[in-house]
Amino acid sequence: MSSAGLELKNITKIFEDKQNRAVVAVDDVSFSVKKGELFTLLGPSGCGKTTILRMIGGF
């Protein structure tokens, strides 16, 4: 049994652009956050931080 409060395994998000081409926004991301642990997503603009948070939130 995992002690993770949140666990993501091998998540991928692919969008379709205006020309119907596949654009990979998040590629094979995995991490876990233990209950009560403080966790941050850091990275440059356009790296997928907001996309990951939207996936967690169900948007």
PDB file of N, CA and C in Angstrom:
ATOM      1  N   MET A   1       0.836  -1.181   0.000  1.00  0.00           N
ATOM      2  CA  MET A   1       0.000   0.000   0.000  1.00  0.00           C
ATOM      3  C   MET A   1       0.877   1.239   0.000  1.00  0.00           C
ATOM      4  N   SER A   2       0.588   2.179  -0.859  1.00  0.00           N
ATOM      5  CA  SER A   2       1.370   3.396  -0.993  1.00  0.00           C
ATOM      6  C   SER A   2       0.955   4.428   0.051  1.00  0.00           C
ATOM      7  N   SER A   3       1.923   5.213   0.545  1.00  0.00           N
ATOM      8  CA  SER A   3       1.608   6.281   1.491  1.00  0.00           C
ATOM      9  C   SER A   3       1.431   7.613   0.770  1.00  0.00           C
ATOM     10  N   ALA A   4       1.327   7.572  -0.549  1.00  0.00           N
ATOM     11  CA  ALA A   4       1.196   8.792  -1.328  1.00  0.00           C
ATOM     12  C   ALA A   4      -0.194   9.387  -1.182  1.00  0.00           C
ATOM     13  N   GLY A   5      -0.237  10.705  -1.052  1.00  0.00           N
ATOM     14  CA  GLY A   5      -1.496  11.414  -1.082  1.00  0.00           C
ATOM     15  C   GLY A   5      -1.932  11.627  -2.511  1.00  0.00           C
ATOM     16  N   LEU A   6      -0.955  11.718  -3.404  1.00  0.00           N
ATOM     17  CA  LEU A   6      -1.189  11.890  -4.834  1.00  0.00           C
ATOM     18  C   LEU A   6      -0.092  11.142  -5.575  1.00  0.00           C
ATOM     19  N   GLU A   7      -0.477  10.337  -6.533  1.00  0.00           N
ATOM     20  CA  GLU A   7       0.511   9.595  -7.314  1.00  0.00           C
ATOM     21  C   GLU A   7       0.117   9.629  -8.789  1.00  0.00           C
ATOM     22  N   LEU A   8       1.037  10.080  -9.618  1.00  0.00           N
ATOM     23  CA  LEU A   8       0.847  10.100 -11.068  1.00  0.00           C
ATOM     24  C   LEU A   8       1.874   9.168 -11.680  1.00  0.00           C
ATOM     25  N   LYS A   9       1.425   8.293 -12.570  1.00  0.00           N
ATOM     26  CA  LYS A   9       2.336   7.344 -13.206  1.00  0.00           C
ATOM     27  C   LYS A   9       2.201   7.443 -14.721  1.00  0.00           C
ATOM     28  N   ASN A  10       3.277   7.787 -15.362  1.00  0.00           N
ATOM     29  CA  ASN A  10       3.394   7.780 -16.816  1.00  0.00           C
ATOM     30  C   ASN A  10       2.260   8.520 -17.513  1.00  0.00           C
ATOM     31  N   ILE A  11       1.958   9.735 -17.048  1.00  0.00           N
ATOM     32  CA  ILE A  11       0.877  10.488 -17.689  1.00  0.00           C
ATOM     33  C   ILE A  11       1.385  11.210 -18.936  1.00  0.00           C
ATOM     34  N   THR A  12       0.520  11.294 -19.922  1.00  0.00           N
ATOM     35  CA  THR A  12       0.818  11.969 -21.183  1.00  0.00           C
ATOM     36  C   THR A  12      -0.416  12.748 -21.609  1.00  0.00           C
ATOM     37  N   LYS A  13      -0.209  13.937 -22.143  1.00  0.00           N
ATOM     38  CA  LYS A  13      -1.312  14.749 -22.656  1.00  0.00           C
ATOM     39  C   LYS A  13      -0.937  15.217 -24.049  1.00  0.00           C
ATOM     40  N   ILE A  14      -1.809  14.921 -25.006  1.00  0.00           N
ATOM     41  CA  ILE A  14      -1.586  15.312 -26.395  1.00  0.00           C
ATOM     42  C   ILE A  14      -2.748  16.183 -26.843  1.00  0.00           C
ATOM     43  N   PHE A  15      -2.420  17.362 -27.353  1.00  0.00           N
ATOM     44  CA  PHE A  15      -3.410  18.276 -27.911  1.00  0.00           C
ATOM     45  C   PHE A  15      -3.344  18.211 -29.427  1.00  0.00           C
ATOM     46  N   GLU A  16      -4.389  18.681 -30.061  1.00  0.00           N
ATOM     47  CA  GLU A  16      -4.410  18.786 -31.519  1.00  0.00           C
ATOM     48  C   GLU A  16      -4.340  20.269 -31.873  1.00  0.00           C
ATOM     49  N   ASP A  17      -3.415  20.658 -32.765  1.00  0.00           N
ATOM     50  CA  ASP A  17      -3.316  22.058 -33.154  1.00  0.00           C
ATOM     51  C   ASP A  17      -4.319  22.377 -34.273  1.00  0.00           C
ATOM     52  N   LYS A  18      -4.280  23.607 -34.771  1.00  0.00           N
ATOM     53  CA  LYS A  18      -5.251  24.052 -35.783  1.00  0.00           C
ATOM     54  C   LYS A  18      -5.134  23.293 -37.096  1.00  0.00           C
ATOM     55  N   GLN A  19      -3.970  22.728 -37.367  1.00  0.00           N
ATOM     56  CA  GLN A  19      -3.765  21.933 -38.586  1.00  0.00           C
ATOM     57  C   GLN A  19      -3.970  20.441 -38.321  1.00  0.00           C
ATOM     58  N   ASN A  20      -4.614  20.119 -37.187  1.00  0.00           N
ATOM     59  CA  ASN A  20      -4.898  18.744 -36.786  1.00  0.00           C
ATOM     60  C   ASN A  20      -3.647  17.893 -36.591  1.00  0.00           C
ATOM     61  N   ARG A  21      -2.566  18.528 -36.165  1.00  0.00           N
ATOM     62  CA  ARG A  21      -1.329  17.818 -35.844  1.00  0.00           C
ATOM     63  C   ARG A  21      -1.266  17.579 -34.345  1.00  0.00           C
ATOM     64  N   ALA A  22      -0.694  16.470 -33.962  1.00  0.00           N
ATOM     65  CA  ALA A  22      -0.558  16.132 -32.544  1.00  0.00           C
ATOM     66  C   ALA A  22       0.573  16.950 -31.919  1.00  0.00           C
ATOM     67  N   VAL A  23       0.281  17.560 -30.786  1.00  0.00           N
ATOM     68  CA  VAL A  23       1.272  18.321 -30.028  1.00  0.00           C
ATOM     69  C   VAL A  23       1.326  17.722 -28.630  1.00  0.00           C
ATOM     70  N   VAL A  24       2.484  17.181 -28.263  1.00  0.00           N
ATOM     71  CA  VAL A  24       2.647  16.557 -26.950  1.00  0.00           C
ATOM     72  C   VAL A  24       2.979  17.648 -25.938  1.00  0.00           C
ATOM     73  N   ALA A  25       2.081  17.838 -24.965  1.00  0.00           N
ATOM     74  CA  ALA A  25       2.271  18.866 -23.937  1.00  0.00           C
ATOM     75  C   ALA A  25       2.938  18.291 -22.691  1.00  0.00           C
ATOM     76  N   VAL A  26       2.598  17.068 -22.340  1.00  0.00           N
ATOM     77  CA  VAL A  26       3.177  16.367 -21.185  1.00  0.00           C
ATOM     78  C   VAL A  26       3.509  14.968 -21.665  1.00  0.00           C
ATOM     79  N   ASP A  27       4.736  14.532 -21.433  1.00  0.00           N
ATOM     80  CA  ASP A  27       5.170  13.243 -21.964  1.00  0.00           C
ATOM     81  C   ASP A  27       5.773  12.361 -20.874  1.00  0.00           C
ATOM     82  N   ASP A  28       5.048  11.312 -20.494  1.00  0.00           N
ATOM     83  CA  ASP A  28       5.543  10.273 -19.582  1.00  0.00           C
ATOM     84  C   ASP A  28       6.039  10.839 -18.244  1.00  0.00           C
ATOM     85  N   VAL A  29       5.194  11.586 -17.570  1.00  0.00           N
ATOM     86  CA  VAL A  29       5.539  12.195 -16.285  1.00  0.00           C
ATOM     87  C   VAL A  29       5.040  11.296 -15.146  1.00  0.00           C
ATOM     88  N   SER A  30       5.908  11.071 -14.175  1.00  0.00           N
ATOM     89  CA  SER A  30       5.546  10.288 -12.989  1.00  0.00           C
ATOM     90  C   SER A  30       6.104  10.970 -11.749  1.00  0.00           C
ATOM     91  N   PHE A  31       5.294  11.044 -10.698  1.00  0.00           N
ATOM     92  CA  PHE A  31       5.768  11.498  -9.400  1.00  0.00           C
ATOM     93  C   PHE A  31       4.716  11.163  -8.353  1.00  0.00           C
ATOM     94  N   SER A  32       5.120  11.194  -7.095  1.00  0.00           N
ATOM     95  CA  SER A  32       4.178  10.989  -6.003  1.00  0.00           C
ATOM     96  C   SER A  32       4.441  12.035  -4.929  1.00  0.00           C
ATOM     97  N   VAL A  33       3.381  12.414  -4.254  1.00  0.00           N
ATOM     98  CA  VAL A  33       3.455  13.391  -3.179  1.00  0.00           C
ATOM     99  C   VAL A  33       2.826  12.749  -1.951  1.00  0.00           C
ATOM    100  N   LYS A  34       3.585  12.647  -0.889  1.00  0.00           N
ATOM    101  CA  LYS A  34       3.078  12.037   0.340  1.00  0.00           C
ATOM    102  C   LYS A  34       2.069  12.964   1.018  1.00  0.00           C
ATOM    103  N   LYS A  35       1.161  12.371   1.740  1.00  0.00           N
ATOM    104  CA  LYS A  35       0.159  13.124   2.464  1.00  0.00           C
ATOM    105  C   LYS A  35       0.844  14.088   3.428  1.00  0.00           C
ATOM    106  N   GLY A  36       0.467  15.370   3.364  1.00  0.00           N
ATOM    107  CA  GLY A  36       1.047  16.391   4.230  1.00  0.00           C
ATOM    108  C   GLY A  36       2.324  17.016   3.699  1.00  0.00           C
ATOM    109  N   GLU A  37       2.845  16.505   2.603  1.00  0.00           N
ATOM    110  CA  GLU A  37       4.088  17.010   2.018  1.00  0.00           C
ATOM    111  C   GLU A  37       3.798  18.222   1.137  1.00  0.00           C
ATOM    112  N   LEU A  38       4.703  19.176   1.121  1.00  0.00           N
ATOM    113  CA  LEU A  38       4.607  20.337   0.260  1.00  0.00           C
ATOM    114  C   LEU A  38       5.376  20.036  -1.018  1.00  0.00           C
ATOM    115  N   PHE A  39       4.760  20.299  -2.171  1.00  0.00           N
ATOM    116  CA  PHE A  39       5.347  19.933  -3.455  1.00  0.00           C
ATOM    117  C   PHE A  39       5.188  21.089  -4.426  1.00  0.00           C
ATOM    118  N   THR A  40       6.200  21.361  -5.244  1.00  0.00           N
ATOM    119  CA  THR A  40       6.104  22.418  -6.253  1.00  0.00           C
ATOM    120  C   THR A  40       6.486  21.868  -7.616  1.00  0.00           C
ATOM    121  N   LEU A  41       5.896  22.453  -8.642  1.00  0.00           N
ATOM    122  CA  LEU A  41       6.280  22.166 -10.025  1.00  0.00           C
ATOM    123  C   LEU A  41       7.040  23.379 -10.533  1.00  0.00           C
ATOM    124  N   LEU A  42       8.292  23.184 -10.896  1.00  0.00           N
ATOM    125  CA  LEU A  42       9.121  24.276 -11.387  1.00  0.00           C
ATOM    126  C   LEU A  42       9.568  23.985 -12.806  1.00  0.00           C
ATOM    127  N   GLY A  43       9.627  25.024 -13.629  1.00  0.00           N
ATOM    128  CA  GLY A  43      10.110  24.853 -14.980  1.00  0.00           C
ATOM    129  C   GLY A  43       9.819  26.084 -15.804  1.00  0.00           C
ATOM    130  N   PRO A  44      10.394  26.150 -16.992  1.00  0.00           N
ATOM    131  CA  PRO A  44      10.201  27.318 -17.851  1.00  0.00           C
ATOM    132  C   PRO A  44       8.786  27.385 -18.418  1.00  0.00           C
ATOM    133  N   SER A  45       8.463  28.524 -18.954  1.00  0.00           N
ATOM    134  CA  SER A  45       7.170  28.729 -19.590  1.00  0.00           C
ATOM    135  C   SER A  45       6.955  27.704 -20.706  1.00  0.00           C
ATOM    136  N   GLY A  46       5.773  27.108 -20.731  1.00  0.00           N
ATOM    137  CA  GLY A  46       5.441  26.158 -21.788  1.00  0.00           C
ATOM    138  C   GLY A  46       5.890  24.738 -21.554  1.00  0.00           C
ATOM    139  N   CYS A  47       6.369  24.410 -20.353  1.00  0.00           N
ATOM    140  CA  CYS A  47       6.887  23.055 -20.116  1.00  0.00           C
ATOM    141  C   CYS A  47       5.821  22.063 -19.651  1.00  0.00           C
ATOM    142  N   GLY A  48       4.588  22.534 -19.340  1.00  0.00           N
ATOM    143  CA  GLY A  48       3.516  21.626 -18.987  1.00  0.00           C
ATOM    144  C   GLY A  48       3.045  21.677 -17.542  1.00  0.00           C
ATOM    145  N   LYS A  49       3.532  22.630 -16.760  1.00  0.00           N
ATOM    146  CA  LYS A  49       3.143  22.722 -15.348  1.00  0.00           C
ATOM    147  C   LYS A  49       1.634  22.896 -15.191  1.00  0.00           C
ATOM    148  N   THR A  50       1.076  23.860 -15.877  1.00  0.00           N
ATOM    149  CA  THR A  50      -0.361  24.130 -15.785  1.00  0.00           C
ATOM    150  C   THR A  50      -1.164  22.971 -16.345  1.00  0.00           C
ATOM    151  N   THR A  51      -0.699  22.359 -17.406  1.00  0.00           N
ATOM    152  CA  THR A  51      -1.395  21.212 -17.992  1.00  0.00           C
ATOM    153  C   THR A  51      -1.478  20.068 -16.986  1.00  0.00           C
ATOM    154  N   ILE A  52      -0.400  19.807 -16.269  1.00  0.00           N
ATOM    155  CA  ILE A  52      -0.403  18.755 -15.247  1.00  0.00           C
ATOM    156  C   ILE A  52      -1.408  19.089 -14.152  1.00  0.00           C
ATOM    157  N   LEU A  53      -1.426  20.335 -13.692  1.00  0.00           N
ATOM    158  CA  LEU A  53      -2.373  20.732 -12.646  1.00  0.00           C
ATOM    159  C   LEU A  53      -3.809  20.617 -13.128  1.00  0.00           C
ATOM    160  N   ARG A  54      -4.063  20.962 -14.379  1.00  0.00           N
ATOM    161  CA  ARG A  54      -5.411  20.825 -14.932  1.00  0.00           C
ATOM    162  C   ARG A  54      -5.806  19.353 -15.027  1.00  0.00           C
ATOM    163  N   MET A  55      -4.867  18.489 -15.355  1.00  0.00           N
ATOM    164  CA  MET A  55      -5.152  17.046 -15.414  1.00  0.00           C
ATOM    165  C   MET A  55      -5.497  16.524 -14.026  1.00  0.00           C
ATOM    166  N   ILE A  56      -4.762  16.976 -12.999  1.00  0.00           N
ATOM    167  CA  ILE A  56      -5.048  16.559 -11.634  1.00  0.00           C
ATOM    168  C   ILE A  56      -6.439  17.038 -11.218  1.00  0.00           C
ATOM    169  N   GLY A  57      -6.757  18.283 -11.592  1.00  0.00           N
ATOM    170  CA  GLY A  57      -8.044  18.871 -11.221  1.00  0.00           C
ATOM    171  C   GLY A  57      -9.219  18.375 -12.044  1.00  0.00           C
ATOM    172  N   GLY A  58      -8.946  17.661 -13.113  1.00  0.00           N
ATOM    173  CA  GLY A  58     -10.020  17.136 -13.930  1.00  0.00           C
ATOM    174  C   GLY A  58     -10.571  18.101 -14.959  1.00  0.00           C
ATOM    175  N   PHE A  59      -9.798  19.127 -15.304  1.00  0.00           N
ATOM    176  CA  PHE A  59     -10.242  20.101 -16.304  1.00  0.00           C
ATOM    177  C   PHE A  59      -9.732  19.756 -17.672  1.00  0.00           C
TER     178      PHE A  59
END
